[in-house]
Amino acid sequence: SIIRRQRQELKLLIAELKDRDKELNDMVAVHERHIQAWEDDRQRILTLAERCSLLTSELNERNAIIKSLTKKLKLLESQHNDSKITLENTQQKFKELTQKVSDSSVHCQALEEKNQSLHCSILELSAKTGQLQAREQELLTMLQLKDKALIETTDQITEVTSKFKTLEGALRAAKLEEFSRNREQQDLKLTLNDVVFQVNKMKDVLSEKMKESNKHQEEISHLKQENGCLRSELILAVEEAQRKDQLYQFAKSKQVRIEKELSSLRQVCVKQQRDLHFLHVNLDSSQDSRQ
């Protein structure tokens, strides 16, 4: 009866050992799956760390590019401000030259009016000279016809001759004044041509400055667009790095949880090994007692 009872106990122990062995095999399989998953997570974490380092280096490069572009943008803005100041100075000079041209045109018009009046006075003097010459001719005919009135008309002739000389002097002075006026008018025309040439030159410089300013503005807008694109890419990269950091934190917490489960499984395995050893000892003792 003792042997039967011990055999029954041994059968129960063997069945329990088989169940424990099966449970251990299942736990070992689960443990291997956990280890494989942990290894996969570890490889994924390593790849994520490499990608994070690559993204960090790329982020540093993008930051350096953004800094250089910011410096270039500041330089272009300063050049744009200098161009604007130069443009304002050129516009001011253009206004001054325009004012000078208008003043010169007014002066030329006044001189032309004065020249016209002098020309009218010269025509009047020429008419008077013709009249005096006709009068002189009439007096000469009167001298030929009237020999008796020679003494009386001599004084009149001398008087008319003196008037004619004075008129000739006035005519010479008027001609000299007209020549000086014409020369002054030519000088003013030359000055006006020089002023017009300078104005056209300043217009060309102004157009070039305007083209350069438009080019700088286009380049500044292009750089601003590129800076906005780089900033958006930087924000996306930062968000992706944050998401990767969150994934890394999740993986880390998962790894901690897996390690806790492994430690608990190890403790269970140790306990089961102790129970198995105890059962082996009991089995050996029972076999000894049965023998």
C-alpha atoms as a PDB file:
ATOM      1  CA  SER A   1       0.000   0.000   0.000  1.00  0.00           C
ATOM      2  CA  ILE A   2       2.876   2.358   0.783  1.00  0.00           C
ATOM      3  CA  ILE A   3       4.506   1.535  -2.512  1.00  0.00           C
ATOM      4  CA  ARG A   4       1.218   2.078  -4.356  1.00  0.00           C
ATOM      5  CA  ARG A   5       0.655   5.315  -2.550  1.00  0.00           C
ATOM      6  CA  GLN A   6       4.224   6.394  -3.390  1.00  0.00           C
ATOM      7  CA  ARG A   7       3.745   5.293  -7.004  1.00  0.00           C
ATOM      8  CA  GLN A   8       0.531   7.289  -7.113  1.00  0.00           C
ATOM      9  CA  GLU A   9       2.354  10.215  -5.640  1.00  0.00           C
ATOM     10  CA  LEU A  10       5.176   9.732  -8.112  1.00  0.00           C
ATOM     11  CA  LYS A  11       2.686   9.652 -11.005  1.00  0.00           C
ATOM     12  CA  LEU A  12       1.111  12.841  -9.679  1.00  0.00           C
ATOM     13  CA  LEU A  13       4.552  14.379  -9.255  1.00  0.00           C
ATOM     14  CA  ILE A  14       5.573  13.293 -12.762  1.00  0.00           C
ATOM     15  CA  ALA A  15       2.342  14.741 -14.178  1.00  0.00           C
ATOM     16  CA  GLU A  16       2.946  17.916 -12.227  1.00  0.00           C
ATOM     17  CA  LEU A  17       6.548  17.952 -13.417  1.00  0.00           C
ATOM     18  CA  LYS A  18       5.349  17.540 -17.017  1.00  0.00           C
ATOM     19  CA  ASP A  19       2.905  20.382 -16.479  1.00  0.00           C
ATOM     20  CA  ARG A  20       5.673  22.451 -14.935  1.00  0.00           C
ATOM     21  CA  ASP A  21       7.988  21.510 -17.782  1.00  0.00           C
ATOM     22  CA  LYS A  22       5.359  22.509 -20.307  1.00  0.00           C
ATOM     23  CA  GLU A  23       4.784  25.773 -18.453  1.00  0.00           C
ATOM     24  CA  LEU A  24       8.541  26.323 -18.363  1.00  0.00           C
ATOM     25  CA  ASN A  25       8.804  25.624 -22.094  1.00  0.00           C
ATOM     26  CA  ASP A  26       5.958  28.069 -22.740  1.00  0.00           C
ATOM     27  CA  MET A  27       7.618  30.621 -20.484  1.00  0.00           C
ATOM     28  CA  VAL A  28      10.944  30.009 -22.224  1.00  0.00           C
ATOM     29  CA  ALA A  29       9.254  30.502 -25.618  1.00  0.00           C
ATOM     30  CA  VAL A  30       7.557  33.656 -24.348  1.00  0.00           C
ATOM     31  CA  HIS A  31      10.867  34.732 -22.867  1.00  0.00           C
ATOM     32  CA  GLU A  32      12.622  34.094 -26.200  1.00  0.00           C
ATOM     33  CA  ARG A  33       9.903  36.053 -28.005  1.00  0.00           C
ATOM     34  CA  HIS A  34      10.365  38.869 -25.484  1.00  0.00           C
ATOM     35  CA  ILE A  35      14.126  38.718 -25.963  1.00  0.00           C
ATOM     36  CA  GLN A  36      13.682  38.778 -29.766  1.00  0.00           C
ATOM     37  CA  ALA A  37      11.274  41.695 -29.447  1.00  0.00           C
ATOM     38  CA  TRP A  38      13.715  43.402 -27.097  1.00  0.00           C
ATOM     39  CA  GLU A  39      16.538  42.803 -29.600  1.00  0.00           C
ATOM     40  CA  ASP A  40      14.361  44.204 -32.417  1.00  0.00           C
ATOM     41  CA  ASP A  41      13.511  47.202 -30.264  1.00  0.00           C
ATOM     42  CA  ARG A  42      17.192  47.593 -29.448  1.00  0.00           C
ATOM     43  CA  GLN A  43      18.124  47.512 -33.144  1.00  0.00           C
ATOM     44  CA  ARG A  44      15.325  49.955 -33.876  1.00  0.00           C
ATOM     45  CA  ILE A  45      16.526  52.206 -31.065  1.00  0.00           C
ATOM     46  CA  LEU A  46      20.082  52.051 -32.436  1.00  0.00           C
ATOM     47  CA  THR A  47      18.866  52.931 -35.930  1.00  0.00           C
ATOM     48  CA  LEU A  48      16.751  55.714 -34.460  1.00  0.00           C
ATOM     49  CA  ALA A  49      19.768  56.973 -32.510  1.00  0.00           C
ATOM     50  CA  GLU A  50      21.845  56.970 -35.711  1.00  0.00           C
ATOM     51  CA  ARG A  51      19.096  58.791 -37.570  1.00  0.00           C
ATOM     52  CA  CYS A  52      18.772  61.210 -34.663  1.00  0.00           C
ATOM     53  CA  SER A  53      22.519  61.935 -34.808  1.00  0.00           C
ATOM     54  CA  LEU A  54      22.274  62.393 -38.587  1.00  0.00           C
ATOM     55  CA  LEU A  55      19.299  64.695 -38.158  1.00  0.00           C
ATOM     56  CA  THR A  56      21.161  66.599 -35.441  1.00  0.00           C
ATOM     57  CA  SER A  57      24.132  67.128 -37.761  1.00  0.00           C
ATOM     58  CA  GLU A  58      21.764  68.102 -40.566  1.00  0.00           C
ATOM     59  CA  LEU A  59      20.001  70.472 -38.170  1.00  0.00           C
ATOM     60  CA  ASN A  60      23.337  72.051 -37.265  1.00  0.00           C
ATOM     61  CA  GLU A  61      24.149  72.443 -40.966  1.00  0.00           C
ATOM     62  CA  ARG A  62      20.728  73.983 -41.584  1.00  0.00           C
ATOM     63  CA  ASN A  63      21.288  76.343 -38.640  1.00  0.00           C
ATOM     64  CA  ALA A  64      24.654  77.360 -40.111  1.00  0.00           C
ATOM     65  CA  ILE A  65      22.987  77.919 -43.520  1.00  0.00           C
ATOM     66  CA  ILE A  66      20.228  79.966 -41.867  1.00  0.00           C
ATOM     67  CA  LYS A  67      22.822  82.060 -40.020  1.00  0.00           C
ATOM     68  CA  SER A  68      24.761  82.711 -43.229  1.00  0.00           C
ATOM     69  CA  LEU A  69      21.532  83.557 -45.072  1.00  0.00           C
ATOM     70  CA  THR A  70      20.526  85.884 -42.228  1.00  0.00           C
ATOM     71  CA  LYS A  71      23.894  87.650 -42.481  1.00  0.00           C
ATOM     72  CA  LYS A  72      23.499  87.890 -46.252  1.00  0.00           C
ATOM     73  CA  LEU A  73      19.960  89.227 -45.782  1.00  0.00           C
ATOM     74  CA  LYS A  74      21.215  91.893 -43.372  1.00  0.00           C
ATOM     75  CA  LEU A  75      23.971  92.817 -45.841  1.00  0.00           C
ATOM     76  CA  LEU A  76      21.453  93.065 -48.678  1.00  0.00           C
ATOM     77  CA  GLU A  77      19.148  95.166 -46.515  1.00  0.00           C
ATOM     78  CA  SER A  78      22.021  97.539 -45.721  1.00  0.00           C
ATOM     79  CA  GLN A  79      22.877  97.684 -49.457  1.00  0.00           C
ATOM     80  CA  HIS A  80      19.216  98.323 -50.194  1.00  0.00           C
ATOM     81  CA  ASN A  81      19.157 101.163 -47.658  1.00  0.00           C
ATOM     82  CA  ASP A  82      22.340 102.613 -49.213  1.00  0.00           C
ATOM     83  CA  SER A  83      20.764 102.339 -52.653  1.00  0.00           C
ATOM     84  CA  LYS A  84      17.625 104.039 -51.346  1.00  0.00           C
ATOM     85  CA  ILE A  85      19.716 106.884 -49.866  1.00  0.00           C
ATOM     86  CA  THR A  86      21.644 107.200 -53.163  1.00  0.00           C
ATOM     87  CA  LEU A  87      18.339 107.193 -55.041  1.00  0.00           C
ATOM     88  CA  GLU A  88      16.962 109.955 -52.822  1.00  0.00           C
ATOM     89  CA  ASN A  89      20.146 112.023 -53.315  1.00  0.00           C
ATOM     90  CA  THR A  90      19.935 111.462 -57.080  1.00  0.00           C
ATOM     91  CA  GLN A  91      16.281 112.502 -57.100  1.00  0.00           C
ATOM     92  CA  GLN A  92      17.192 115.640 -55.131  1.00  0.00           C
ATOM     93  CA  LYS A  93      19.986 116.453 -57.612  1.00  0.00           C
ATOM     94  CA  PHE A  94      17.582 115.781 -60.473  1.00  0.00           C
ATOM     95  CA  LYS A  95      15.069 118.221 -58.954  1.00  0.00           C
ATOM     96  CA  GLU A  96      17.810 120.833 -58.545  1.00  0.00           C
ATOM     97  CA  LEU A  97      18.945 120.353 -62.147  1.00  0.00           C
ATOM     98  CA  THR A  98      15.330 120.540 -63.318  1.00  0.00           C
ATOM     99  CA  GLN A  99      14.943 123.802 -61.412  1.00  0.00           C
ATOM    100  CA  LYS A 100      18.157 125.110 -62.985  1.00  0.00           C
ATOM    101  CA  VAL A 101      16.923 124.113 -66.447  1.00  0.00           C
ATOM    102  CA  SER A 102      13.604 125.881 -65.863  1.00  0.00           C
ATOM    103  CA  ASP A 103      15.451 128.991 -64.621  1.00  0.00           C
ATOM    104  CA  SER A 104      17.763 128.870 -67.650  1.00  0.00           C
ATOM    105  CA  SER A 105      14.788 128.500 -69.994  1.00  0.00           C
ATOM    106  CA  VAL A 106      13.088 131.501 -68.348  1.00  0.00           C
ATOM    107  CA  HIS A 107      16.329 133.500 -68.671  1.00  0.00           C
ATOM    108  CA  CYS A 108      16.668 132.488 -72.318  1.00  0.00           C
ATOM    109  CA  GLN A 109      13.091 133.517 -72.991  1.00  0.00           C
ATOM    110  CA  ALA A 110      13.731 136.923 -71.358  1.00  0.00           C
ATOM    111  CA  LEU A 111      16.897 137.336 -73.423  1.00  0.00           C
ATOM    112  CA  GLU A 112      15.007 136.417 -76.598  1.00  0.00           C
ATOM    113  CA  GLU A 113      12.339 138.992 -75.762  1.00  0.00           C
ATOM    114  CA  LYS A 114      15.059 141.591 -75.148  1.00  0.00           C
ATOM    115  CA  ASN A 115      16.754 140.606 -78.404  1.00  0.00           C
ATOM    116  CA  GLN A 116      13.426 140.996 -80.210  1.00  0.00           C
ATOM    117  CA  SER A 117      12.984 144.464 -78.750  1.00  0.00           C
ATOM    118  CA  LEU A 118      16.562 145.381 -79.773  1.00  0.00           C
ATOM    119  CA  HIS A 119      15.880 144.095 -83.262  1.00  0.00           C
ATOM    120  CA  CYS A 120      12.767 146.299 -83.443  1.00  0.00           C
ATOM    121  CA  SER A 121      14.776 149.299 -82.286  1.00  0.00           C
ATOM    122  CA  ILE A 122      17.439 148.518 -84.934  1.00  0.00           C
ATOM    123  CA  LEU A 123      14.721 148.385 -87.589  1.00  0.00           C
ATOM    124  CA  GLU A 124      13.418 151.737 -86.408  1.00  0.00           C
ATOM    125  CA  LEU A 125      16.938 153.192 -86.506  1.00  0.00           C
ATOM    126  CA  SER A 126      17.435 151.780 -90.019  1.00  0.00           C
ATOM    127  CA  ALA A 127      14.172 153.396 -91.099  1.00  0.00           C
ATOM    128  CA  LYS A 128      15.253 156.699 -89.583  1.00  0.00           C
ATOM    129  CA  THR A 129      18.631 156.346 -91.319  1.00  0.00           C
ATOM    130  CA  GLY A 130      16.865 155.789 -94.633  1.00  0.00           C
ATOM    131  CA  GLN A 131      14.705 158.806 -93.998  1.00  0.00           C
ATOM    132  CA  LEU A 132      17.787 160.865 -93.153  1.00  0.00           C
ATOM    133  CA  GLN A 133      19.556 159.638 -96.263  1.00  0.00           C
ATOM    134  CA  ALA A 134      16.494 160.641 -98.312  1.00  0.00           C
ATOM    135  CA  ARG A 135      16.509 163.989 -96.574  1.00  0.00           C
ATOM    136  CA  GLU A 136      20.215 164.401 -97.347  1.00  0.00           C
ATOM    137  CA  GLN A 137      19.560 163.580-100.984  1.00  0.00           C
ATOM    138  CA  GLU A 138      16.765 166.102-101.034  1.00  0.00           C
ATOM    139  CA  LEU A 139      19.057 168.709 -99.512  1.00  0.00           C
ATOM    140  CA  LEU A 140      21.753 167.987-102.071  1.00  0.00           C
ATOM    141  CA  THR A 141      19.258 168.471-104.870  1.00  0.00           C
ATOM    142  CA  MET A 142      18.149 171.657-103.172  1.00  0.00           C
ATOM    143  CA  LEU A 143      21.848 172.770-103.111  1.00  0.00           C
ATOM    144  CA  GLN A 144      22.122 172.129-106.843  1.00  0.00           C
ATOM    145  CA  LEU A 145      18.885 173.984-107.522  1.00  0.00           C
ATOM    146  CA  LYS A 146      19.392 176.767-105.043  1.00  0.00           C
ATOM    147  CA  ASP A 147      22.895 178.181-105.009  1.00  0.00           C
ATOM    148  CA  LYS A 148      21.701 181.241-103.273  1.00  0.00           C
ATOM    149  CA  ALA A 149      20.479 179.408-100.183  1.00  0.00           C
ATOM    150  CA  LEU A 150      23.850 177.663 -99.685  1.00  0.00           C
ATOM    151  CA  ILE A 151      24.857 179.630 -96.619  1.00  0.00           C
ATOM    152  CA  GLU A 152      21.490 179.147 -94.924  1.00  0.00           C
ATOM    153  CA  THR A 153      21.318 175.449 -95.603  1.00  0.00           C
ATOM    154  CA  THR A 154      24.959 174.784 -94.579  1.00  0.00           C
ATOM    155  CA  ASP A 155      24.063 175.009 -90.893  1.00  0.00           C
ATOM    156  CA  GLN A 156      21.123 172.679 -91.402  1.00  0.00           C
ATOM    157  CA  ILE A 157      23.341 170.187 -93.243  1.00  0.00           C
ATOM    158  CA  THR A 158      25.963 170.236 -90.495  1.00  0.00           C
ATOM    159  CA  GLU A 159      23.259 169.737 -87.897  1.00  0.00           C
ATOM    160  CA  VAL A 160      21.726 166.840 -89.824  1.00  0.00           C
ATOM    161  CA  THR A 161      25.234 165.352 -90.294  1.00  0.00           C
ATOM    162  CA  SER A 162      25.899 165.503 -86.563  1.00  0.00           C
ATOM    163  CA  LYS A 163      22.520 163.832 -85.904  1.00  0.00           C
ATOM    164  CA  PHE A 164      23.360 161.218 -88.507  1.00  0.00           C
ATOM    165  CA  LYS A 165      26.715 160.548 -86.801  1.00  0.00           C
ATOM    166  CA  THR A 166      25.020 160.257 -83.442  1.00  0.00           C
ATOM    167  CA  LEU A 167      22.499 157.864 -84.978  1.00  0.00           C
ATOM    168  CA  GLU A 168      25.332 155.854 -86.566  1.00  0.00           C
ATOM    169  CA  GLY A 169      27.061 155.639 -83.162  1.00  0.00           C
ATOM    170  CA  ALA A 170      23.772 154.516 -81.617  1.00  0.00           C
ATOM    171  CA  LEU A 171      23.384 151.986 -84.443  1.00  0.00           C
ATOM    172  CA  ARG A 172      26.940 150.627 -83.855  1.00  0.00           C
ATOM    173  CA  ALA A 173      26.267 150.415 -80.108  1.00  0.00           C
ATOM    174  CA  ALA A 174      22.984 148.611 -80.776  1.00  0.00           C
ATOM    175  CA  LYS A 175      24.778 146.216 -83.136  1.00  0.00           C
ATOM    176  CA  LEU A 176      27.500 145.571 -80.557  1.00  0.00           C
ATOM    177  CA  GLU A 177      24.860 145.004 -77.900  1.00  0.00           C
ATOM    178  CA  GLU A 178      23.001 142.669 -80.236  1.00  0.00           C
ATOM    179  CA  PHE A 179      26.250 140.749 -80.909  1.00  0.00           C
ATOM    180  CA  SER A 180      26.948 140.468 -77.167  1.00  0.00           C
ATOM    181  CA  ARG A 181      23.341 139.366 -76.613  1.00  0.00           C
ATOM    182  CA  ASN A 182      23.649 136.757 -79.355  1.00  0.00           C
ATOM    183  CA  ARG A 183      26.935 135.503 -77.867  1.00  0.00           C
ATOM    184  CA  GLU A 184      25.386 135.396 -74.401  1.00  0.00           C
ATOM    185  CA  GLN A 185      22.411 133.539 -75.850  1.00  0.00           C
ATOM    186  CA  GLN A 186      24.761 131.000 -77.498  1.00  0.00           C
ATOM    187  CA  ASP A 187      26.603 130.559 -74.207  1.00  0.00           C
ATOM    188  CA  LEU A 188      23.291 130.022 -72.452  1.00  0.00           C
ATOM    189  CA  LYS A 189      22.281 127.511 -75.117  1.00  0.00           C
ATOM    190  CA  LEU A 190      25.565 125.641 -74.580  1.00  0.00           C
ATOM    191  CA  THR A 191      24.997 125.732 -70.820  1.00  0.00           C
ATOM    192  CA  LEU A 192      21.450 124.505 -71.379  1.00  0.00           C
ATOM    193  CA  ASN A 193      22.749 121.666 -73.565  1.00  0.00           C
ATOM    194  CA  ASP A 194      25.267 120.726 -70.870  1.00  0.00           C
ATOM    195  CA  VAL A 195      22.529 120.806 -68.248  1.00  0.00           C
ATOM    196  CA  VAL A 196      20.256 118.673 -70.447  1.00  0.00           C
ATOM    197  CA  PHE A 197      23.133 116.214 -70.988  1.00  0.00           C
ATOM    198  CA  GLN A 198      23.751 116.041 -67.231  1.00  0.00           C
ATOM    199  CA  VAL A 199      20.015 115.588 -66.646  1.00  0.00           C
ATOM    200  CA  ASN A 200      19.889 112.738 -69.173  1.00  0.00           C
ATOM    201  CA  LYS A 201      22.998 111.225 -67.588  1.00  0.00           C
ATOM    202  CA  MET A 202      21.406 111.499 -64.137  1.00  0.00           C
ATOM    203  CA  LYS A 203      18.239 109.923 -65.566  1.00  0.00           C
ATOM    204  CA  ASP A 204      20.314 106.985 -66.857  1.00  0.00           C
ATOM    205  CA  VAL A 205      22.043 106.655 -63.463  1.00  0.00           C
ATOM    206  CA  LEU A 206      18.646 106.883 -61.775  1.00  0.00           C
ATOM    207  CA  SER A 207      17.215 104.152 -64.025  1.00  0.00           C
ATOM    208  CA  GLU A 208      20.257 101.951 -63.336  1.00  0.00           C
ATOM    209  CA  LYS A 209      19.869 102.532 -59.597  1.00  0.00           C
ATOM    210  CA  MET A 210      16.156 101.722 -59.870  1.00  0.00           C
ATOM    211  CA  LYS A 211      16.983  98.494 -61.751  1.00  0.00           C
ATOM    212  CA  GLU A 212      19.606  97.598 -59.155  1.00  0.00           C
ATOM    213  CA  SER A 213      17.155  98.378 -56.355  1.00  0.00           C
ATOM    214  CA  ASN A 214      14.476  96.202 -57.997  1.00  0.00           C
ATOM    215  CA  LYS A 215      17.038  93.434 -58.394  1.00  0.00           C
ATOM    216  CA  HIS A 216      18.006  93.723 -54.717  1.00  0.00           C
ATOM    217  CA  GLN A 217      14.340  93.678 -53.729  1.00  0.00           C
ATOM    218  CA  GLU A 218      13.745  90.533 -55.826  1.00  0.00           C
ATOM    219  CA  GLU A 219      16.808  88.883 -54.292  1.00  0.00           C
ATOM    220  CA  ILE A 220      15.641  89.880 -50.782  1.00  0.00           C
ATOM    221  CA  SER A 221      12.160  88.450 -51.440  1.00  0.00           C
ATOM    222  CA  HIS A 222      13.727  85.264 -52.837  1.00  0.00           C
ATOM    223  CA  LEU A 223      15.963  84.970 -49.758  1.00  0.00           C
ATOM    224  CA  LYS A 224      12.990  85.591 -47.485  1.00  0.00           C
ATOM    225  CA  GLN A 225      11.066  82.813 -49.251  1.00  0.00           C
ATOM    226  CA  GLU A 226      14.070  80.491 -48.989  1.00  0.00           C
ATOM    227  CA  ASN A 227      14.458  81.421 -45.306  1.00  0.00           C
ATOM    228  CA  GLY A 228      10.755  80.648 -44.733  1.00  0.00           C
ATOM    229  CA  CYS A 229      11.150  77.274 -46.465  1.00  0.00           C
ATOM    230  CA  LEU A 230      14.220  76.478 -44.382  1.00  0.00           C
ATOM    231  CA  ARG A 231      12.401  77.506 -41.215  1.00  0.00           C
ATOM    232  CA  SER A 232       9.441  75.280 -42.099  1.00  0.00           C
ATOM    233  CA  GLU A 233      11.838  72.408 -42.835  1.00  0.00           C
ATOM    234  CA  LEU A 234      13.592  73.089 -39.532  1.00  0.00           C
ATOM    235  CA  ILE A 235      10.240  73.038 -37.688  1.00  0.00           C
ATOM    236  CA  LEU A 236       9.336  69.750 -39.422  1.00  0.00           C
ATOM    237  CA  ALA A 237      12.742  68.286 -38.522  1.00  0.00           C
ATOM    238  CA  VAL A 238      12.330  69.411 -34.893  1.00  0.00           C
ATOM    239  CA  GLU A 239       8.844  67.886 -34.774  1.00  0.00           C
ATOM    240  CA  GLU A 240      10.183  64.664 -36.279  1.00  0.00           C
ATOM    241  CA  ALA A 241      13.017  64.642 -33.730  1.00  0.00           C
ATOM    242  CA  GLN A 242      10.461  65.197 -30.953  1.00  0.00           C
ATOM    243  CA  ARG A 243       8.383  62.307 -32.288  1.00  0.00           C
ATOM    244  CA  LYS A 244      11.489  60.151 -32.433  1.00  0.00           C
ATOM    245  CA  ASP A 245      12.331  61.188 -28.894  1.00  0.00           C
ATOM    246  CA  GLN A 246       8.823  60.195 -27.824  1.00  0.00           C
ATOM    247  CA  LEU A 247       9.233  56.848 -29.623  1.00  0.00           C
ATOM    248  CA  TYR A 248      12.576  56.438 -27.890  1.00  0.00           C
ATOM    249  CA  GLN A 249      10.947  57.181 -24.520  1.00  0.00           C
ATOM    250  CA  PHE A 250       8.176  54.703 -25.321  1.00  0.00           C
ATOM    251  CA  ALA A 251      10.762  52.080 -26.304  1.00  0.00           C
ATOM    252  CA  LYS A 252      12.751  52.830 -23.163  1.00  0.00           C
ATOM    253  CA  SER A 253       9.677  52.439 -20.970  1.00  0.00           C
ATOM    254  CA  LYS A 254       8.819  49.248 -22.868  1.00  0.00           C
ATOM    255  CA  GLN A 255      12.359  48.007 -22.302  1.00  0.00           C
ATOM    256  CA  VAL A 256      12.072  48.766 -18.574  1.00  0.00           C
ATOM    257  CA  ARG A 257       8.746  46.942 -18.472  1.00  0.00           C
ATOM    258  CA  ILE A 258      10.239  43.978 -20.363  1.00  0.00           C
ATOM    259  CA  GLU A 259      13.201  43.920 -17.976  1.00  0.00           C
ATOM    260  CA  LYS A 260      10.799  43.885 -15.036  1.00  0.00           C
ATOM    261  CA  GLU A 261       8.873  41.018 -16.653  1.00  0.00           C
ATOM    262  CA  LEU A 262      12.170  39.192 -17.313  1.00  0.00           C
ATOM    263  CA  SER A 263      13.257  39.653 -13.710  1.00  0.00           C
ATOM    264  CA  SER A 264       9.887  38.336 -12.527  1.00  0.00           C
ATOM    265  CA  LEU A 265      10.198  35.414 -14.986  1.00  0.00           C
ATOM    266  CA  ARG A 266      13.704  34.735 -13.720  1.00  0.00           C
ATOM    267  CA  GLN A 267      12.433  34.721 -10.169  1.00  0.00           C
ATOM    268  CA  VAL A 268       9.644  32.316 -11.208  1.00  0.00           C
ATOM    269  CA  CYS A 269      12.195  30.121 -13.018  1.00  0.00           C
ATOM    270  CA  VAL A 270      14.441  30.110  -9.953  1.00  0.00           C
ATOM    271  CA  LYS A 271      11.487  29.171  -7.770  1.00  0.00           C
ATOM    272  CA  GLN A 272      10.456  26.428 -10.198  1.00  0.00           C
ATOM    273  CA  GLN A 273      14.023  25.152 -10.353  1.00  0.00           C
ATOM    274  CA  ARG A 274      14.054  25.029  -6.571  1.00  0.00           C
ATOM    275  CA  ASP A 275      10.723  23.185  -6.563  1.00  0.00           C
ATOM    276  CA  LEU A 276      12.033  20.826  -9.249  1.00  0.00           C
ATOM    277  CA  HIS A 277      15.196  20.204  -7.246  1.00  0.00           C
ATOM    278  CA  PHE A 278      13.077  19.610  -4.167  1.00  0.00           C
ATOM    279  CA  LEU A 279      10.913  17.186  -6.149  1.00  0.00           C
ATOM    280  CA  HIS A 280      14.018  15.397  -7.455  1.00  0.00           C
ATOM    281  CA  VAL A 281      15.285  15.089  -3.922  1.00  0.00           C
ATOM    282  CA  ASN A 282      11.918  13.746  -2.770  1.00  0.00           C
ATOM    283  CA  LEU A 283      11.892  11.392  -5.748  1.00  0.00           C
ATOM    284  CA  ASP A 284      15.379  10.132  -4.933  1.00  0.00           C
ATOM    285  CA  SER A 285      14.460   9.713  -1.280  1.00  0.00           C
ATOM    286  CA  SER A 286      11.264   7.896  -2.235  1.00  0.00           C
ATOM    287  CA  GLN A 287      13.188   5.627  -4.596  1.00  0.00           C
ATOM    288  CA  ASP A 288      15.723   4.909  -1.868  1.00  0.00           C
ATOM    289  CA  SER A 289      12.967   4.157   0.583  1.00  0.00           C
ATOM    290  CA  ARG A 290      11.216   1.932  -1.937  1.00  0.00           C
ATOM    291  CA  GLN A 291      14.427   0.073  -2.613  1.00  0.00           C
END
